[in-house]
Amino acid sequence: MKKELYEMLMASAQSDKSKALLTLDLLSNHPVGSIAKAYSGIGDHSTTDFYNNAEEALKTLVDADDRINTLTKYFDKTVHKKQING
């Protein structure tokens, strides 16, 4: 795999991981609805919305971790070997 493609895919996965971790942190450290009130003026979010947001963030985190692990497992050595050898 070319270095540029590897770096783009890795950056995308790491970005998704960061977003998912931030979302889970916000959801776990703020009461239901307070995030919406603070950022959009909307305060009526149901518990179902809260759970759905948490589930979606977890799925995003798992997917991002899988992508990072797959890139590292199958392509990290190849990309770095090509960099060293030219």
Protein backbone atom coordinates (compact mmCIF):
# COMPACT_ATOMS: atom_id res chain seq x y z
CA MET A 1 0.00 0.00 0.00
CA LYS A 2 1.27 3.45 -0.83
CA LYS A 3 2.27 5.63 2.11
CA GLU A 4 -0.20 8.39 1.21
CA LEU A 5 -3.17 6.00 1.10
CA TYR A 6 -2.13 4.37 4.36
CA GLU A 7 -1.78 7.74 6.07
CA MET A 8 -5.15 8.94 4.79
CA LEU A 9 -6.93 5.78 5.95
CA MET A 10 -5.18 5.86 9.31
CA ALA A 11 -5.98 9.55 9.85
CA SER A 12 -9.63 8.93 9.01
CA ALA A 13 -9.84 6.04 11.47
CA GLN A 14 -8.08 8.00 14.21
CA SER A 15 -10.39 10.97 13.64
CA ASP A 16 -13.46 8.74 13.94
CA LYS A 17 -12.02 7.23 17.12
CA SER A 18 -11.46 10.68 18.64
CA LYS A 19 -14.99 11.80 17.74
CA ALA A 20 -16.50 8.66 19.24
CA LEU A 21 -14.51 9.00 22.47
CA LEU A 22 -15.49 12.65 22.78
CA THR A 23 -19.15 11.81 22.18
CA LEU A 24 -19.10 9.08 24.83
CA ASP A 25 -17.37 11.45 27.25
CA LEU A 26 -19.95 14.18 26.65
CA LEU A 27 -22.83 11.74 26.99
CA SER A 28 -21.48 10.26 30.21
CA ASN A 29 -20.58 13.56 31.88
CA HIS A 30 -23.65 15.63 31.08
CA PRO A 31 -27.30 15.02 31.90
CA VAL A 32 -29.61 14.08 29.06
CA GLY A 33 -30.51 17.20 27.12
CA SER A 34 -27.90 19.52 28.59
CA ILE A 35 -25.62 19.16 25.58
CA ALA A 36 -28.46 20.02 23.24
CA LYS A 37 -29.44 23.02 25.38
CA ALA A 38 -25.90 24.33 25.49
CA TYR A 39 -25.25 24.04 21.78
CA SER A 40 -28.55 24.35 19.99
CA GLY A 41 -31.15 25.73 22.36
CA ILE A 42 -33.11 22.49 22.18
CA GLY A 43 -33.62 20.76 25.51
CA ASP A 44 -36.13 18.00 24.96
CA HIS A 45 -34.20 14.90 24.05
CA SER A 46 -35.64 11.58 25.08
CA THR A 47 -33.82 8.87 26.92
CA THR A 48 -34.12 6.83 23.74
CA ASP A 49 -32.19 9.50 21.83
CA PHE A 50 -29.53 9.42 24.52
CA TYR A 51 -29.19 5.62 24.31
CA ASN A 52 -29.18 5.70 20.51
CA ASN A 53 -26.43 8.32 20.51
CA ALA A 54 -24.38 6.26 22.96
CA GLU A 55 -24.85 3.08 20.89
CA GLU A 56 -23.88 4.88 17.69
CA ALA A 57 -20.76 6.34 19.31
CA LEU A 58 -19.74 2.91 20.57
CA LYS A 59 -20.23 1.38 17.11
CA THR A 60 -18.12 4.17 15.62
CA LEU A 61 -15.40 3.53 18.22
CA VAL A 62 -15.36 -0.23 17.55
CA ASP A 63 -15.26 0.35 13.79
CA ALA A 64 -12.42 2.86 14.09
CA ASP A 65 -10.40 0.57 16.36
CA ASP A 66 -10.92 -2.30 13.91
CA ARG A 67 -9.72 -0.14 11.02
CA ILE A 68 -6.64 1.00 12.96
CA ASN A 69 -5.80 -2.55 14.00
CA THR A 70 -6.28 -3.87 10.46
CA LEU A 71 -4.10 -1.18 8.91
CA THR A 72 -1.41 -1.78 11.52
CA LYS A 73 -1.56 -5.56 11.22
CA TYR A 74 -1.52 -5.84 7.45
CA PHE A 75 0.08 -2.69 6.11
CA ASP A 76 2.17 -0.87 8.74
CA LYS A 77 5.35 -2.90 8.16
CA THR A 78 4.94 -2.77 4.39
CA VAL A 79 4.56 1.02 4.36
CA HIS A 80 7.52 1.56 6.67
CA LYS A 81 9.69 -0.99 4.86
CA LYS A 82 9.11 0.83 1.57
CA GLN A 83 9.96 4.14 3.23
CA ILE A 84 13.29 2.81 4.52
CA ASN A 85 14.27 1.01 1.32
CA GLY A 86 13.24 3.78 -0.93
